PDB file of all heavy atoms in Angstrom:
ATOM      1  N   ARG A   1      -1.915 -20.657 -23.998  1.00  0.00           N
ATOM      2  CA  ARG A   1      -1.922 -21.337 -22.698  1.00  0.00           C
ATOM      3  C   ARG A   1      -0.509 -21.502 -22.134  1.00  0.00           C
ATOM      4  O   ARG A   1      -0.221 -22.434 -21.385  1.00  0.00           O
ATOM      5  CB  ARG A   1      -2.633 -22.692 -22.771  1.00  0.00           C
ATOM      6  CG  ARG A   1      -4.050 -22.635 -23.313  1.00  0.00           C
ATOM      7  CD  ARG A   1      -5.023 -22.020 -22.340  1.00  0.00           C
ATOM      8  NE  ARG A   1      -5.242 -22.840 -21.167  1.00  0.00           N
ATOM      9  CZ  ARG A   1      -5.899 -22.427 -20.089  1.00  0.00           C
ATOM     10  NH1 ARG A   1      -6.380 -21.204 -20.032  1.00  0.00           N
ATOM     11  NH2 ARG A   1      -6.066 -23.235 -19.060  1.00  0.00           N
ATOM     12  N   ARG A   2       0.387 -20.579 -22.488  1.00  0.00           N
ATOM     13  CA  ARG A   2       1.746 -20.552 -21.944  1.00  0.00           C
ATOM     14  C   ARG A   2       1.998 -19.159 -21.375  1.00  0.00           C
ATOM     15  O   ARG A   2       1.800 -18.159 -22.069  1.00  0.00           O
ATOM     16  CB  ARG A   2       2.799 -20.859 -23.016  1.00  0.00           C
ATOM     17  CG  ARG A   2       2.661 -22.219 -23.657  1.00  0.00           C
ATOM     18  CD  ARG A   2       3.922 -22.591 -24.450  1.00  0.00           C
ATOM     19  NE  ARG A   2       4.293 -21.580 -25.428  1.00  0.00           N
ATOM     20  CZ  ARG A   2       3.789 -21.489 -26.662  1.00  0.00           C
ATOM     21  NH1 ARG A   2       2.843 -22.335 -27.053  1.00  0.00           N
ATOM     22  NH2 ARG A   2       4.202 -20.557 -27.500  1.00  0.00           N
ATOM     23  N   PRO A   3       2.440 -19.053 -20.127  1.00  0.00           N
ATOM     24  CA  PRO A   3       2.649 -17.732 -19.518  1.00  0.00           C
ATOM     25  C   PRO A   3       3.843 -17.022 -20.135  1.00  0.00           C
ATOM     26  O   PRO A   3       4.803 -17.651 -20.597  1.00  0.00           O
ATOM     27  CB  PRO A   3       2.898 -18.054 -18.048  1.00  0.00           C
ATOM     28  CG  PRO A   3       3.490 -19.426 -18.070  1.00  0.00           C
ATOM     29  CD  PRO A   3       2.810 -20.144 -19.208  1.00  0.00           C
ATOM     30  N   GLN A   4       3.798 -15.692 -20.122  1.00  0.00           N
ATOM     31  CA  GLN A   4       4.875 -14.873 -20.644  1.00  0.00           C
ATOM     32  C   GLN A   4       5.363 -13.928 -19.549  1.00  0.00           C
ATOM     33  O   GLN A   4       4.816 -13.887 -18.449  1.00  0.00           O
ATOM     34  CB  GLN A   4       4.400 -14.097 -21.868  1.00  0.00           C
ATOM     35  CG  GLN A   4       3.902 -14.992 -23.004  1.00  0.00           C
ATOM     36  CD  GLN A   4       4.948 -15.978 -23.488  1.00  0.00           C
ATOM     37  OE1 GLN A   4       5.993 -15.591 -24.010  1.00  0.00           O
ATOM     38  NE2 GLN A   4       4.683 -17.271 -23.302  1.00  0.00           N
ATOM     39  N   ALA A   5       6.415 -13.175 -19.866  1.00  0.00           N
ATOM     40  CA  ALA A   5       7.024 -12.284 -18.888  1.00  0.00           C
ATOM     41  C   ALA A   5       6.893 -10.835 -19.346  1.00  0.00           C
ATOM     42  O   ALA A   5       6.894 -10.541 -20.542  1.00  0.00           O
ATOM     43  CB  ALA A   5       8.490 -12.642 -18.672  1.00  0.00           C
ATOM     44  N   VAL A   6       6.782  -9.948 -18.372  1.00  0.00           N
ATOM     45  CA  VAL A   6       6.677  -8.508 -18.597  1.00  0.00           C
ATOM     46  C   VAL A   6       7.738  -7.832 -17.743  1.00  0.00           C
ATOM     47  O   VAL A   6       7.969  -8.232 -16.594  1.00  0.00           O
ATOM     48  CB  VAL A   6       5.274  -7.991 -18.190  1.00  0.00           C
ATOM     49  CG1 VAL A   6       5.190  -6.471 -18.317  1.00  0.00           C
ATOM     50  CG2 VAL A   6       4.184  -8.662 -19.015  1.00  0.00           C
ATOM     51  N   MET A   7       8.406  -6.808 -18.294  1.00  0.00           N
ATOM     52  CA  MET A   7       9.311  -5.984 -17.482  1.00  0.00           C
ATOM     53  C   MET A   7       9.003  -4.522 -17.723  1.00  0.00           C
ATOM     54  O   MET A   7       9.092  -4.041 -18.861  1.00  0.00           O
ATOM     55  CB  MET A   7      10.777  -6.262 -17.782  1.00  0.00           C
ATOM     56  CG  MET A   7      11.695  -5.461 -16.859  1.00  0.00           C
ATOM     57  SD  MET A   7      13.437  -5.851 -17.018  1.00  0.00           S
ATOM     58  CE  MET A   7      14.118  -4.751 -15.754  1.00  0.00           C
ATOM     59  N   LEU A   8       8.669  -3.814 -16.641  1.00  0.00           N
ATOM     60  CA  LEU A   8       8.299  -2.411 -16.729  1.00  0.00           C
ATOM     61  C   LEU A   8       9.252  -1.565 -15.895  1.00  0.00           C
ATOM     62  O   LEU A   8      10.087  -2.078 -15.150  1.00  0.00           O
ATOM     63  CB  LEU A   8       6.855  -2.227 -16.269  1.00  0.00           C
ATOM     64  CG  LEU A   8       5.826  -3.052 -17.056  1.00  0.00           C
ATOM     65  CD1 LEU A   8       4.437  -2.870 -16.477  1.00  0.00           C
ATOM     66  CD2 LEU A   8       5.851  -2.698 -18.535  1.00  0.00           C
ATOM     67  N   HIS A   9       9.095  -0.247 -16.025  1.00  0.00           N
ATOM     68  CA  HIS A   9      10.042   0.701 -15.438  1.00  0.00           C
ATOM     69  C   HIS A   9       9.671   1.039 -14.001  1.00  0.00           C
ATOM     70  O   HIS A   9       8.738   1.793 -13.741  1.00  0.00           O
ATOM     71  CB  HIS A   9      10.067   1.966 -16.311  1.00  0.00           C
ATOM     72  CG  HIS A   9      10.952   3.048 -15.792  1.00  0.00           C
ATOM     73  ND1 HIS A   9      12.231   2.815 -15.340  1.00  0.00           N
ATOM     74  CD2 HIS A   9      10.746   4.383 -15.656  1.00  0.00           C
ATOM     75  CE1 HIS A   9      12.772   3.953 -14.960  1.00  0.00           C
ATOM     76  NE2 HIS A   9      11.886   4.923 -15.132  1.00  0.00           N
ATOM     77  N   VAL A  10      10.337   0.462 -13.087  1.00  0.00           N
ATOM     78  CA  VAL A  10      10.273   0.682 -11.643  1.00  0.00           C
ATOM     79  C   VAL A  10       8.847   0.951 -11.146  1.00  0.00           C
ATOM     80  O   VAL A  10       7.873   0.384 -11.633  1.00  0.00           O
ATOM     81  CB  VAL A  10      11.273   1.794 -11.212  1.00  0.00           C
ATOM     82  CG1 VAL A  10      12.693   1.372 -11.508  1.00  0.00           C
ATOM     83  CG2 VAL A  10      10.986   3.148 -11.854  1.00  0.00           C
ATOM     84  N   SER A  11       8.715   1.830 -10.176  1.00  0.00           N
ATOM     85  CA  SER A  11       7.418   2.082  -9.536  1.00  0.00           C
ATOM     86  C   SER A  11       6.420   2.712 -10.496  1.00  0.00           C
ATOM     87  O   SER A  11       5.243   2.328 -10.523  1.00  0.00           O
ATOM     88  CB  SER A  11       7.612   2.994  -8.329  1.00  0.00           C
ATOM     89  OG  SER A  11       8.266   4.202  -8.729  1.00  0.00           O
ATOM     90  N   VAL A  12       6.863   3.667 -11.296  1.00  0.00           N
ATOM     91  CA  VAL A  12       5.924   4.388 -12.162  1.00  0.00           C
ATOM     92  C   VAL A  12       5.378   3.487 -13.262  1.00  0.00           C
ATOM     93  O   VAL A  12       4.191   3.550 -13.620  1.00  0.00           O
ATOM     94  CB  VAL A  12       6.579   5.652 -12.749  1.00  0.00           C
ATOM     95  CG1 VAL A  12       6.783   6.692 -11.664  1.00  0.00           C
ATOM     96  CG2 VAL A  12       7.905   5.330 -13.449  1.00  0.00           C
ATOM     97  N   GLY A  13       6.219   2.638 -13.814  1.00  0.00           N
ATOM     98  CA  GLY A  13       5.743   1.710 -14.837  1.00  0.00           C
ATOM     99  C   GLY A  13       4.790   0.683 -14.270  1.00  0.00           C
ATOM    100  O   GLY A  13       3.750   0.385 -14.871  1.00  0.00           O
ATOM    101  N   ALA A  14       5.124   0.150 -13.093  1.00  0.00           N
ATOM    102  CA  ALA A  14       4.228  -0.827 -12.465  1.00  0.00           C
ATOM    103  C   ALA A  14       2.874  -0.189 -12.155  1.00  0.00           C
ATOM    104  O   ALA A  14       1.821  -0.808 -12.353  1.00  0.00           O
ATOM    105  CB  ALA A  14       4.865  -1.376 -11.195  1.00  0.00           C
ATOM    106  N   ALA A  15       2.884   1.059 -11.697  1.00  0.00           N
ATOM    107  CA  ALA A  15       1.631   1.736 -11.371  1.00  0.00           C
ATOM    108  C   ALA A  15       0.752   1.893 -12.601  1.00  0.00           C
ATOM    109  O   ALA A  15      -0.465   1.740 -12.537  1.00  0.00           O
ATOM    110  CB  ALA A  15       1.924   3.109 -10.760  1.00  0.00           C
ATOM    111  N   ASN A  16       1.373   2.180 -13.738  1.00  0.00           N
ATOM    112  CA  ASN A  16       0.605   2.376 -14.964  1.00  0.00           C
ATOM    113  C   ASN A  16      -0.027   1.087 -15.470  1.00  0.00           C
ATOM    114  O   ASN A  16      -0.940   1.129 -16.296  1.00  0.00           O
ATOM    115  CB  ASN A  16       1.517   2.959 -16.052  1.00  0.00           C
ATOM    116  CG  ASN A  16       0.913   4.174 -16.721  1.00  0.00           C
ATOM    117  OD1 ASN A  16      -0.109   4.689 -16.292  1.00  0.00           O
ATOM    118  ND2 ASN A  16       1.545   4.638 -17.777  1.00  0.00           N
ATOM    119  N   ALA A  17       0.451  -0.048 -14.992  1.00  0.00           N
ATOM    120  CA  ALA A  17      -0.033  -1.338 -15.477  1.00  0.00           C
ATOM    121  C   ALA A  17      -1.040  -1.994 -14.551  1.00  0.00           C
ATOM    122  O   ALA A  17      -1.509  -3.094 -14.841  1.00  0.00           O
ATOM    123  CB  ALA A  17       1.153  -2.292 -15.670  1.00  0.00           C
ATOM    124  N   VAL A  18      -1.403  -1.344 -13.458  1.00  0.00           N
ATOM    125  CA  VAL A  18      -2.254  -1.997 -12.459  1.00  0.00           C
ATOM    126  C   VAL A  18      -3.604  -2.396 -13.043  1.00  0.00           C
ATOM    127  O   VAL A  18      -4.148  -3.467 -12.729  1.00  0.00           O
ATOM    128  CB  VAL A  18      -2.415  -1.096 -11.219  1.00  0.00           C
ATOM    129  CG1 VAL A  18      -3.531  -1.594 -10.317  1.00  0.00           C
ATOM    130  CG2 VAL A  18      -1.106  -1.057 -10.441  1.00  0.00           C
ATOM    131  N   CYS A  19      -4.187  -1.575 -13.916  1.00  0.00           N
ATOM    132  CA  CYS A  19      -5.478  -1.929 -14.511  1.00  0.00           C
ATOM    133  C   CYS A  19      -5.382  -3.265 -15.258  1.00  0.00           C
ATOM    134  O   CYS A  19      -6.224  -4.150 -15.089  1.00  0.00           O
ATOM    135  CB  CYS A  19      -5.936  -0.823 -15.460  1.00  0.00           C
ATOM    136  SG  CYS A  19      -7.503  -1.152 -16.283  1.00  0.00           S
ATOM    137  N   GLY A  20      -4.348  -3.408 -16.082  1.00  0.00           N
ATOM    138  CA  GLY A  20      -4.164  -4.664 -16.801  1.00  0.00           C
ATOM    139  C   GLY A  20      -3.906  -5.825 -15.871  1.00  0.00           C
ATOM    140  O   GLY A  20      -4.324  -6.958 -16.133  1.00  0.00           O
ATOM    141  N   LEU A  21      -3.227  -5.558 -14.774  1.00  0.00           N
ATOM    142  CA  LEU A  21      -2.931  -6.617 -13.814  1.00  0.00           C
ATOM    143  C   LEU A  21      -4.200  -7.085 -13.105  1.00  0.00           C
ATOM    144  O   LEU A  21      -4.371  -8.279 -12.829  1.00  0.00           O
ATOM    145  CB  LEU A  21      -1.903  -6.112 -12.805  1.00  0.00           C
ATOM    146  CG  LEU A  21      -1.152  -7.169 -12.006  1.00  0.00           C
ATOM    147  CD1 LEU A  21      -0.347  -8.067 -12.923  1.00  0.00           C
ATOM    148  CD2 LEU A  21      -0.253  -6.516 -10.976  1.00  0.00           C
ATOM    149  N   ILE A  22      -5.107  -6.150 -12.807  1.00  0.00           N
ATOM    150  CA  ILE A  22      -6.395  -6.537 -12.221  1.00  0.00           C
ATOM    151  C   ILE A  22      -7.131  -7.483 -13.168  1.00  0.00           C
ATOM    152  O   ILE A  22      -7.686  -8.509 -12.755  1.00  0.00           O
ATOM    153  CB  ILE A  22      -7.255  -5.289 -11.926  1.00  0.00           C
ATOM    154  CG1 ILE A  22      -6.626  -4.456 -10.810  1.00  0.00           C
ATOM    155  CG2 ILE A  22      -8.670  -5.691 -11.540  1.00  0.00           C
ATOM    156  CD1 ILE A  22      -7.291  -3.112 -10.603  1.00  0.00           C
ATOM    157  N   ASN A  23      -7.147  -7.145 -14.457  1.00  0.00           N
ATOM    158  CA  ASN A  23      -7.812  -8.016 -15.427  1.00  0.00           C
ATOM    159  C   ASN A  23      -7.190  -9.405 -15.447  1.00  0.00           C
ATOM    160  O   ASN A  23      -7.897 -10.424 -15.471  1.00  0.00           O
ATOM    161  CB  ASN A  23      -7.729  -7.389 -16.822  1.00  0.00           C
ATOM    162  CG  ASN A  23      -8.648  -6.197 -16.995  1.00  0.00           C
ATOM    163  OD1 ASN A  23      -9.679  -6.097 -16.346  1.00  0.00           O
ATOM    164  ND2 ASN A  23      -8.277  -5.286 -17.876  1.00  0.00           N
ATOM    165  N   ALA A  24      -5.865  -9.475 -15.449  1.00  0.00           N
ATOM    166  CA  ALA A  24      -5.187 -10.771 -15.477  1.00  0.00           C
ATOM    167  C   ALA A  24      -5.485 -11.577 -14.222  1.00  0.00           C
ATOM    168  O   ALA A  24      -5.712 -12.788 -14.283  1.00  0.00           O
ATOM    169  CB  ALA A  24      -3.678 -10.572 -15.643  1.00  0.00           C
ATOM    170  N   ALA A  25      -5.508 -10.909 -13.074  1.00  0.00           N
ATOM    171  CA  ALA A  25      -5.773 -11.611 -11.823  1.00  0.00           C
ATOM    172  C   ALA A  25      -7.170 -12.202 -11.803  1.00  0.00           C
ATOM    173  O   ALA A  25      -7.373 -13.369 -11.445  1.00  0.00           O
ATOM    174  CB  ALA A  25      -5.578 -10.657 -10.644  1.00  0.00           C
ATOM    175  N   ARG A  26      -8.173 -11.410 -12.191  1.00  0.00           N
ATOM    176  CA  ARG A  26      -9.548 -11.903 -12.151  1.00  0.00           C
ATOM    177  C   ARG A  26      -9.805 -12.958 -13.226  1.00  0.00           C
ATOM    178  O   ARG A  26     -10.674 -13.823 -13.058  1.00  0.00           O
ATOM    179  CB  ARG A  26     -10.525 -10.733 -12.321  1.00  0.00           C
ATOM    180  CG  ARG A  26     -10.548  -9.767 -11.136  1.00  0.00           C
ATOM    181  CD  ARG A  26     -10.888 -10.484  -9.839  1.00  0.00           C
ATOM    182  NE  ARG A  26     -11.152  -9.555  -8.742  1.00  0.00           N
ATOM    183  CZ  ARG A  26     -10.580  -9.609  -7.549  1.00  0.00           C
ATOM    184  NH1 ARG A  26      -9.673 -10.553  -7.303  1.00  0.00           N
ATOM    185  NH2 ARG A  26     -10.893  -8.750  -6.598  1.00  0.00           N
ATOM    186  N   ALA A  27      -9.060 -12.907 -14.327  1.00  0.00           N
ATOM    187  CA  ALA A  27      -9.212 -13.914 -15.383  1.00  0.00           C
ATOM    188  C   ALA A  27      -8.344 -15.148 -15.136  1.00  0.00           C
ATOM    189  O   ALA A  27      -8.329 -16.063 -15.959  1.00  0.00           O
ATOM    190  CB  ALA A  27      -8.868 -13.303 -16.740  1.00  0.00           C
TER     191      ALA A  27
END
């Protein structure tokens, strides 16, 4: 129950993580 931080590689890294981000947003 404590938020964490993620750092990915510019546009291409962020794009690869969108599926996981959708899950986090809906949850």
